[in-house]
Amino acid sequence: MVYTTQGVTKTAKWSHIKLLYDENPGYKGVRLIPKLTENHVNPDKINKMKVKFASQIFSRTVASNMGYLADTNILPAECKQTADLLFFMDDIFDSVNGSKMKNKYAKPLLGPATPYSVHQKTWIEGIQMFNSIKFITPSGKTETVPSVTNWV
């Protein structure tokens, strides 16, 4: 998938998520990303009707671990571009799943959308980003998909 953010074109790949899963980062048997399973990364096993799988992939935990492992050369540097997309999607999910009660320690986008919140800025940037997303088929053909268009 190719996308543009802040004028920079980047590429995110599902294979990067698979690499992170295969790396299985952790310490003394405790995994850094315990919710990431074969059901998240293997296209044949993904339950497409469960939103929780998408929210667990497109999360700060997966993004930050992928970015860190790419920074430390455990994963290829290009994985940072996928990590950036995961951070973006986590913000978008938060912005539409906020509550009317705001915990002062919660992420700002989990709070209510108000004239002074960061929601409007996030949504404007999100529309630009979603409009830039193109999927590249194995044959090299560029496609858009309804789910991305529907986010806009």
N, C-alpha and C. Protein backbone atom coordinates (compact mmCIF):
# COMPACT_ATOMS: atom_id res chain seq x y z
N MET A 1 0.84 -1.16 0.00
CA MET A 1 0.00 0.00 0.00
C MET A 1 0.89 1.23 0.00
N VAL A 2 0.54 2.19 -0.80
CA VAL A 2 1.27 3.45 -0.88
C VAL A 2 0.37 4.55 -0.34
N TYR A 3 0.94 5.44 0.48
CA TYR A 3 0.18 6.55 1.02
C TYR A 3 1.08 7.77 1.14
N THR A 4 0.46 8.93 1.25
CA THR A 4 1.21 10.17 1.38
C THR A 4 0.81 10.86 2.67
N THR A 5 1.80 11.27 3.43
CA THR A 5 1.56 12.01 4.66
C THR A 5 2.56 13.15 4.74
N GLN A 6 2.06 14.34 4.99
CA GLN A 6 2.88 15.55 5.08
C GLN A 6 3.79 15.69 3.87
N GLY A 7 3.25 15.39 2.70
CA GLY A 7 3.98 15.55 1.45
C GLY A 7 5.01 14.46 1.15
N VAL A 8 5.08 13.44 1.98
CA VAL A 8 6.04 12.36 1.79
C VAL A 8 5.28 11.08 1.43
N THR A 9 5.68 10.44 0.33
CA THR A 9 5.05 9.19 -0.07
C THR A 9 5.76 8.03 0.64
N LYS A 10 4.96 7.16 1.24
CA LYS A 10 5.49 6.04 2.00
C LYS A 10 4.81 4.75 1.55
N THR A 11 5.42 3.63 1.91
CA THR A 11 4.87 2.32 1.58
C THR A 11 4.70 1.51 2.85
N ALA A 12 3.52 0.96 3.03
CA ALA A 12 3.24 0.06 4.15
C ALA A 12 2.97 -1.32 3.56
N LYS A 13 3.51 -2.34 4.22
CA LYS A 13 3.36 -3.70 3.72
C LYS A 13 2.87 -4.63 4.81
N TRP A 14 1.97 -5.53 4.43
CA TRP A 14 1.51 -6.55 5.36
C TRP A 14 2.67 -7.45 5.78
N SER A 15 3.62 -7.63 4.88
CA SER A 15 4.77 -8.48 5.19
C SER A 15 5.56 -7.94 6.39
N HIS A 16 5.50 -6.63 6.63
CA HIS A 16 6.19 -6.06 7.79
C HIS A 16 5.53 -6.53 9.09
N ILE A 17 4.21 -6.62 9.08
CA ILE A 17 3.50 -7.11 10.27
C ILE A 17 3.84 -8.57 10.51
N LYS A 18 3.93 -9.33 9.43
CA LYS A 18 4.33 -10.74 9.53
C LYS A 18 5.75 -10.86 10.08
N LEU A 19 6.66 -9.99 9.61
CA LEU A 19 8.04 -9.99 10.13
C LEU A 19 8.06 -9.72 11.64
N LEU A 20 7.26 -8.77 12.07
CA LEU A 20 7.19 -8.45 13.50
C LEU A 20 6.68 -9.66 14.28
N TYR A 21 5.64 -10.29 13.78
CA TYR A 21 5.10 -11.48 14.44
C TYR A 21 6.14 -12.59 14.50
N ASP A 22 6.84 -12.81 13.39
CA ASP A 22 7.85 -13.87 13.34
C ASP A 22 9.03 -13.57 14.26
N GLU A 23 9.35 -12.29 14.43
CA GLU A 23 10.44 -11.90 15.34
C GLU A 23 10.06 -12.24 16.78
N ASN A 24 8.75 -12.15 17.10
CA ASN A 24 8.23 -12.50 18.41
C ASN A 24 9.02 -11.84 19.54
N PRO A 25 9.10 -10.50 19.51
CA PRO A 25 9.94 -9.83 20.51
C PRO A 25 9.43 -10.03 21.93
N GLY A 26 10.36 -10.20 22.84
CA GLY A 26 10.00 -10.38 24.24
C GLY A 26 11.23 -10.60 25.09
N TYR A 27 11.00 -10.86 26.34
CA TYR A 27 12.08 -11.09 27.28
C TYR A 27 11.62 -12.12 28.31
N LYS A 28 12.40 -13.17 28.48
CA LYS A 28 12.12 -14.24 29.44
C LYS A 28 10.71 -14.81 29.27
N GLY A 29 10.35 -15.04 28.02
CA GLY A 29 9.06 -15.65 27.73
C GLY A 29 7.88 -14.70 27.75
N VAL A 30 8.11 -13.42 28.06
CA VAL A 30 7.02 -12.44 28.06
C VAL A 30 7.11 -11.64 26.76
N ARG A 31 6.08 -11.79 25.93
CA ARG A 31 6.08 -11.14 24.62
C ARG A 31 5.71 -9.67 24.76
N LEU A 32 6.35 -8.82 23.94
CA LEU A 32 6.03 -7.39 23.94
C LEU A 32 4.66 -7.12 23.32
N ILE A 33 4.25 -7.98 22.41
CA ILE A 33 2.96 -7.82 21.74
C ILE A 33 2.17 -9.13 21.91
N PRO A 34 1.67 -9.37 23.13
CA PRO A 34 1.04 -10.66 23.40
C PRO A 34 -0.25 -10.91 22.63
N LYS A 35 -0.95 -9.86 22.21
CA LYS A 35 -2.22 -10.07 21.51
C LYS A 35 -2.03 -10.44 20.04
N LEU A 36 -0.83 -10.24 19.50
CA LEU A 36 -0.58 -10.54 18.10
C LEU A 36 -0.41 -12.05 17.93
N THR A 37 -1.33 -12.65 17.16
CA THR A 37 -1.33 -14.10 16.96
C THR A 37 -1.37 -14.43 15.48
N GLU A 38 -1.32 -15.69 15.19
CA GLU A 38 -1.43 -16.18 13.82
C GLU A 38 -2.76 -15.72 13.20
N ASN A 39 -3.79 -15.60 14.03
CA ASN A 39 -5.10 -15.15 13.55
C ASN A 39 -5.09 -13.68 13.12
N HIS A 40 -4.04 -12.95 13.49
CA HIS A 40 -3.90 -11.55 13.08
C HIS A 40 -3.10 -11.41 11.79
N VAL A 41 -2.13 -12.27 11.58
CA VAL A 41 -1.17 -12.05 10.50
C VAL A 41 -1.31 -12.98 9.30
N ASN A 42 -1.91 -14.12 9.49
CA ASN A 42 -2.07 -15.07 8.39
C ASN A 42 -3.39 -14.79 7.68
N PRO A 43 -3.35 -14.31 6.42
CA PRO A 43 -4.59 -13.96 5.71
C PRO A 43 -5.62 -15.08 5.66
N ASP A 44 -5.17 -16.33 5.69
CA ASP A 44 -6.10 -17.46 5.67
C ASP A 44 -6.83 -17.67 7.00
N LYS A 45 -6.29 -17.10 8.07
CA LYS A 45 -6.86 -17.31 9.39
C LYS A 45 -7.54 -16.07 9.97
N ILE A 46 -7.44 -14.93 9.31
CA ILE A 46 -8.02 -13.70 9.83
C ILE A 46 -9.54 -13.77 9.75
N ASN A 47 -10.18 -13.52 10.88
CA ASN A 47 -11.64 -13.46 10.92
C ASN A 47 -12.04 -12.05 10.49
N LYS A 48 -12.50 -11.92 9.27
CA LYS A 48 -12.77 -10.61 8.69
C LYS A 48 -13.98 -9.91 9.30
N MET A 49 -14.74 -10.60 10.10
CA MET A 49 -15.92 -10.00 10.72
C MET A 49 -15.64 -9.52 12.15
N LYS A 50 -14.42 -9.61 12.60
CA LYS A 50 -14.08 -9.19 13.96
C LYS A 50 -13.25 -7.91 13.92
N VAL A 51 -13.85 -6.80 14.32
CA VAL A 51 -13.16 -5.51 14.32
C VAL A 51 -12.01 -5.51 15.31
N LYS A 52 -12.12 -6.30 16.37
CA LYS A 52 -11.06 -6.30 17.38
C LYS A 52 -9.70 -6.69 16.79
N PHE A 53 -9.69 -7.55 15.77
CA PHE A 53 -8.42 -7.94 15.15
C PHE A 53 -7.78 -6.73 14.46
N ALA A 54 -8.58 -5.93 13.79
CA ALA A 54 -8.06 -4.73 13.14
C ALA A 54 -7.55 -3.74 14.17
N SER A 55 -8.30 -3.54 15.24
CA SER A 55 -7.86 -2.57 16.25
C SER A 55 -6.61 -3.04 16.98
N GLN A 56 -6.42 -4.35 17.08
CA GLN A 56 -5.21 -4.86 17.72
C GLN A 56 -3.99 -4.75 16.80
N ILE A 57 -4.19 -4.86 15.49
CA ILE A 57 -3.08 -4.67 14.55
C ILE A 57 -2.75 -3.19 14.44
N PHE A 58 -3.79 -2.36 14.22
CA PHE A 58 -3.59 -0.92 14.05
C PHE A 58 -3.54 -0.25 15.42
N SER A 59 -2.54 -0.60 16.21
CA SER A 59 -2.45 -0.11 17.58
C SER A 59 -1.10 0.53 17.85
N ARG A 60 -1.07 1.33 18.90
CA ARG A 60 0.18 1.97 19.32
C ARG A 60 1.21 0.92 19.73
N THR A 61 0.76 -0.15 20.35
CA THR A 61 1.68 -1.19 20.79
C THR A 61 2.41 -1.82 19.61
N VAL A 62 1.66 -2.21 18.59
CA VAL A 62 2.29 -2.81 17.41
C VAL A 62 3.15 -1.78 16.70
N ALA A 63 2.64 -0.56 16.55
CA ALA A 63 3.38 0.49 15.85
C ALA A 63 4.69 0.84 16.56
N SER A 64 4.64 1.04 17.86
CA SER A 64 5.84 1.45 18.59
C SER A 64 6.89 0.33 18.61
N ASN A 65 6.44 -0.91 18.77
CA ASN A 65 7.40 -2.02 18.76
C ASN A 65 8.01 -2.21 17.38
N MET A 66 7.20 -2.10 16.34
CA MET A 66 7.73 -2.22 14.98
C MET A 66 8.72 -1.10 14.69
N GLY A 67 8.36 0.13 15.03
CA GLY A 67 9.27 1.26 14.81
C GLY A 67 10.58 1.12 15.57
N TYR A 68 10.48 0.69 16.83
CA TYR A 68 11.68 0.51 17.64
C TYR A 68 12.58 -0.58 17.06
N LEU A 69 11.99 -1.71 16.70
CA LEU A 69 12.78 -2.80 16.14
C LEU A 69 13.40 -2.42 14.79
N ALA A 70 12.73 -1.56 14.05
CA ALA A 70 13.31 -1.06 12.79
C ALA A 70 14.45 -0.08 13.09
N ASP A 71 14.27 0.77 14.10
CA ASP A 71 15.33 1.71 14.49
C ASP A 71 16.59 1.00 14.96
N THR A 72 16.42 -0.16 15.58
CA THR A 72 17.56 -0.91 16.11
C THR A 72 18.07 -1.98 15.13
N ASN A 73 17.57 -1.93 13.89
CA ASN A 73 18.00 -2.84 12.82
C ASN A 73 17.66 -4.31 13.06
N ILE A 74 16.71 -4.57 13.94
CA ILE A 74 16.24 -5.94 14.11
C ILE A 74 15.26 -6.26 12.99
N LEU A 75 14.46 -5.26 12.61
CA LEU A 75 13.60 -5.33 11.43
C LEU A 75 14.15 -4.36 10.38
N PRO A 76 13.84 -4.55 9.11
CA PRO A 76 14.31 -3.63 8.08
C PRO A 76 13.81 -2.20 8.33
N ALA A 77 14.60 -1.21 7.97
CA ALA A 77 14.27 0.20 8.19
C ALA A 77 12.95 0.59 7.53
N GLU A 78 12.61 -0.05 6.42
CA GLU A 78 11.36 0.28 5.73
C GLU A 78 10.13 -0.03 6.58
N CYS A 79 10.27 -0.83 7.62
CA CYS A 79 9.15 -1.14 8.50
C CYS A 79 8.65 0.11 9.23
N LYS A 80 9.49 1.13 9.34
CA LYS A 80 9.07 2.37 10.00
C LYS A 80 7.91 3.02 9.25
N GLN A 81 7.87 2.86 7.93
CA GLN A 81 6.77 3.43 7.15
C GLN A 81 5.46 2.72 7.46
N THR A 82 5.52 1.43 7.69
CA THR A 82 4.33 0.68 8.11
C THR A 82 3.94 1.09 9.53
N ALA A 83 4.93 1.25 10.41
CA ALA A 83 4.66 1.68 11.78
C ALA A 83 3.96 3.04 11.79
N ASP A 84 4.38 3.95 10.91
CA ASP A 84 3.73 5.26 10.83
C ASP A 84 2.26 5.13 10.45
N LEU A 85 1.94 4.23 9.53
CA LEU A 85 0.55 4.01 9.15
C LEU A 85 -0.24 3.43 10.33
N LEU A 86 0.37 2.52 11.08
CA LEU A 86 -0.31 1.93 12.24
C LEU A 86 -0.61 3.00 13.29
N PHE A 87 0.34 3.91 13.54
CA PHE A 87 0.10 5.03 14.46
C PHE A 87 -1.08 5.87 13.98
N PHE A 88 -1.09 6.18 12.69
CA PHE A 88 -2.17 6.97 12.11
C PHE A 88 -3.52 6.30 12.32
N MET A 89 -3.60 5.01 12.02
CA MET A 89 -4.87 4.29 12.16
C MET A 89 -5.29 4.21 13.64
N ASP A 90 -4.35 4.08 14.55
CA ASP A 90 -4.69 4.08 15.97
C ASP A 90 -5.33 5.42 16.34
N ASP A 91 -4.76 6.51 15.85
CA ASP A 91 -5.34 7.84 16.12
C ASP A 91 -6.74 7.96 15.53
N ILE A 92 -6.92 7.47 14.31
CA ILE A 92 -8.24 7.55 13.68
C ILE A 92 -9.26 6.74 14.47
N PHE A 93 -8.90 5.51 14.86
CA PHE A 93 -9.82 4.70 15.68
C PHE A 93 -10.17 5.43 16.97
N ASP A 94 -9.15 6.00 17.64
CA ASP A 94 -9.41 6.72 18.88
C ASP A 94 -10.36 7.90 18.65
N SER A 95 -10.16 8.61 17.55
CA SER A 95 -10.96 9.82 17.30
C SER A 95 -12.44 9.53 17.09
N VAL A 96 -12.77 8.35 16.63
CA VAL A 96 -14.18 8.02 16.41
C VAL A 96 -14.75 7.13 17.52
N ASN A 97 -13.93 6.77 18.49
CA ASN A 97 -14.39 5.91 19.59
C ASN A 97 -14.27 6.59 20.94
N GLY A 98 -14.17 7.90 20.95
CA GLY A 98 -14.03 8.62 22.21
C GLY A 98 -15.31 8.57 23.03
N SER A 99 -15.20 9.05 24.24
CA SER A 99 -16.38 9.06 25.12
C SER A 99 -16.62 10.48 25.62
N LYS A 100 -17.79 10.67 26.22
CA LYS A 100 -18.09 11.99 26.74
C LYS A 100 -17.35 12.27 28.04
N MET A 101 -16.92 11.22 28.70
CA MET A 101 -16.12 11.38 29.92
C MET A 101 -14.65 11.25 29.54
N LYS A 102 -13.86 12.24 29.90
CA LYS A 102 -12.45 12.21 29.52
C LYS A 102 -11.59 11.99 30.76
N ASN A 103 -10.80 10.94 30.72
CA ASN A 103 -9.81 10.68 31.74
C ASN A 103 -8.62 11.57 31.43
N LYS A 104 -8.15 12.35 32.37
CA LYS A 104 -7.07 13.29 32.08
C LYS A 104 -5.77 12.60 31.69
N TYR A 105 -5.65 11.31 31.94
CA TYR A 105 -4.45 10.57 31.57
C TYR A 105 -4.60 9.82 30.24
N ALA A 106 -5.80 9.83 29.68
CA ALA A 106 -6.06 9.11 28.42
C ALA A 106 -5.48 9.87 27.23
N LYS A 107 -5.39 9.18 26.12
CA LYS A 107 -4.96 9.82 24.88
C LYS A 107 -5.99 10.89 24.51
N PRO A 108 -5.55 12.06 24.03
CA PRO A 108 -6.48 13.16 23.76
C PRO A 108 -7.61 12.81 22.80
N LEU A 109 -7.36 11.97 21.82
CA LEU A 109 -8.40 11.64 20.85
C LEU A 109 -9.47 10.71 21.42
N LEU A 110 -9.26 10.16 22.60
CA LEU A 110 -10.28 9.33 23.24
C LEU A 110 -11.32 10.17 23.96
N GLY A 111 -11.04 11.46 24.10
CA GLY A 111 -11.99 12.36 24.74
C GLY A 111 -13.05 12.83 23.76
N PRO A 112 -13.94 13.67 24.22
CA PRO A 112 -15.01 14.16 23.35
C PRO A 112 -14.48 15.12 22.30
N ALA A 113 -15.14 15.13 21.15
CA ALA A 113 -14.81 16.09 20.09
C ALA A 113 -15.46 17.41 20.47
N THR A 114 -14.63 18.44 20.59
CA THR A 114 -15.12 19.78 20.94
C THR A 114 -14.47 20.77 19.98
N PRO A 115 -14.93 22.02 20.00
CA PRO A 115 -14.28 23.02 19.12
C PRO A 115 -12.79 23.20 19.43
N TYR A 116 -12.35 22.80 20.62
CA TYR A 116 -10.95 23.00 21.02
C TYR A 116 -10.12 21.71 21.04
N SER A 117 -10.73 20.60 20.68
CA SER A 117 -10.00 19.32 20.70
C SER A 117 -9.22 19.13 19.40
N VAL A 118 -8.37 18.13 19.38
CA VAL A 118 -7.53 17.85 18.20
C VAL A 118 -8.27 17.03 17.15
N HIS A 119 -9.54 16.72 17.38
CA HIS A 119 -10.29 15.88 16.46
C HIS A 119 -10.37 16.47 15.04
N GLN A 120 -10.74 17.74 14.93
CA GLN A 120 -10.89 18.35 13.60
C GLN A 120 -9.59 18.28 12.80
N LYS A 121 -8.48 18.62 13.43
CA LYS A 121 -7.17 18.57 12.75
C LYS A 121 -6.86 17.13 12.32
N THR A 122 -7.12 16.18 13.20
CA THR A 122 -6.87 14.77 12.90
C THR A 122 -7.73 14.31 11.73
N TRP A 123 -9.00 14.73 11.71
CA TRP A 123 -9.91 14.31 10.63
C TRP A 123 -9.53 14.93 9.30
N ILE A 124 -9.10 16.18 9.31
CA ILE A 124 -8.67 16.83 8.06
C ILE A 124 -7.44 16.12 7.51
N GLU A 125 -6.46 15.86 8.37
CA GLU A 125 -5.26 15.12 7.94
C GLU A 125 -5.64 13.70 7.51
N GLY A 126 -6.60 13.09 8.21
CA GLY A 126 -7.05 11.75 7.88
C GLY A 126 -7.67 11.67 6.50
N ILE A 127 -8.50 12.66 6.16
CA ILE A 127 -9.12 12.69 4.83
C ILE A 127 -8.04 12.76 3.75
N GLN A 128 -7.05 13.62 3.96
CA GLN A 128 -5.96 13.74 2.98
C GLN A 128 -5.20 12.42 2.85
N MET A 129 -4.94 11.80 3.98
CA MET A 129 -4.20 10.54 3.97
C MET A 129 -5.02 9.44 3.29
N PHE A 130 -6.29 9.28 3.68
CA PHE A 130 -7.14 8.26 3.08
C PHE A 130 -7.27 8.47 1.57
N ASN A 131 -7.40 9.73 1.15
CA ASN A 131 -7.50 10.01 -0.29
C ASN A 131 -6.22 9.64 -1.04
N SER A 132 -5.10 9.58 -0.35
CA SER A 132 -3.83 9.26 -1.01
C SER A 132 -3.55 7.76 -1.08
N ILE A 133 -4.28 6.96 -0.32
CA ILE A 133 -3.98 5.53 -0.22
C ILE A 133 -4.30 4.81 -1.53
N LYS A 134 -3.32 4.04 -1.98
CA LYS A 134 -3.47 3.20 -3.16
C LYS A 134 -2.87 1.84 -2.83
N PHE A 135 -3.56 0.80 -3.26
CA PHE A 135 -3.05 -0.54 -3.07
C PHE A 135 -2.41 -1.00 -4.37
N ILE A 136 -1.28 -1.67 -4.24
CA ILE A 136 -0.55 -2.18 -5.40
C ILE A 136 -0.73 -3.70 -5.42
N THR A 137 -1.32 -4.20 -6.50
CA THR A 137 -1.54 -5.64 -6.63
C THR A 137 -0.21 -6.33 -6.94
N PRO A 138 -0.13 -7.64 -6.77
CA PRO A 138 1.11 -8.36 -7.11
C PRO A 138 1.54 -8.14 -8.57
N SER A 139 0.58 -7.85 -9.44
CA SER A 139 0.93 -7.60 -10.85
C SER A 139 1.37 -6.16 -11.09
N GLY A 140 1.30 -5.31 -10.03
CA GLY A 140 1.74 -3.93 -10.16
C GLY A 140 0.62 -2.94 -10.46
N LYS A 141 -0.61 -3.42 -10.54
CA LYS A 141 -1.75 -2.56 -10.82
C LYS A 141 -2.13 -1.79 -9.55
N THR A 142 -2.51 -0.52 -9.70
CA THR A 142 -2.92 0.31 -8.58
C THR A 142 -4.43 0.24 -8.42
N GLU A 143 -4.90 0.05 -7.18
CA GLU A 143 -6.33 -0.06 -6.91
C GLU A 143 -6.69 0.73 -5.66
N THR A 144 -7.94 1.12 -5.59
CA THR A 144 -8.49 1.67 -4.35
C THR A 144 -9.53 0.67 -3.86
N VAL A 145 -9.85 0.74 -2.58
CA VAL A 145 -10.83 -0.20 -2.03
C VAL A 145 -11.94 0.57 -1.31
N PRO A 146 -13.15 0.03 -1.32
CA PRO A 146 -14.29 0.74 -0.71
C PRO A 146 -14.08 1.08 0.76
N SER A 147 -13.44 0.21 1.53
CA SER A 147 -13.29 0.50 2.97
C SER A 147 -12.49 1.77 3.22
N VAL A 148 -11.48 2.04 2.40
CA VAL A 148 -10.70 3.27 2.54
C VAL A 148 -11.54 4.47 2.12
N THR A 149 -12.24 4.35 1.00
CA THR A 149 -13.11 5.41 0.53
C THR A 149 -14.20 5.73 1.56
N ASN A 150 -14.72 4.71 2.23
CA ASN A 150 -15.78 4.91 3.22
C ASN A 150 -15.28 5.64 4.45
N TRP A 151 -14.01 5.53 4.80
CA TRP A 151 -13.48 6.29 5.92
C TRP A 151 -13.59 7.79 5.65
N VAL A 152 -13.35 8.17 4.41
CA VAL A 152 -13.46 9.60 4.04
C VAL A 152 -14.91 10.04 4.21
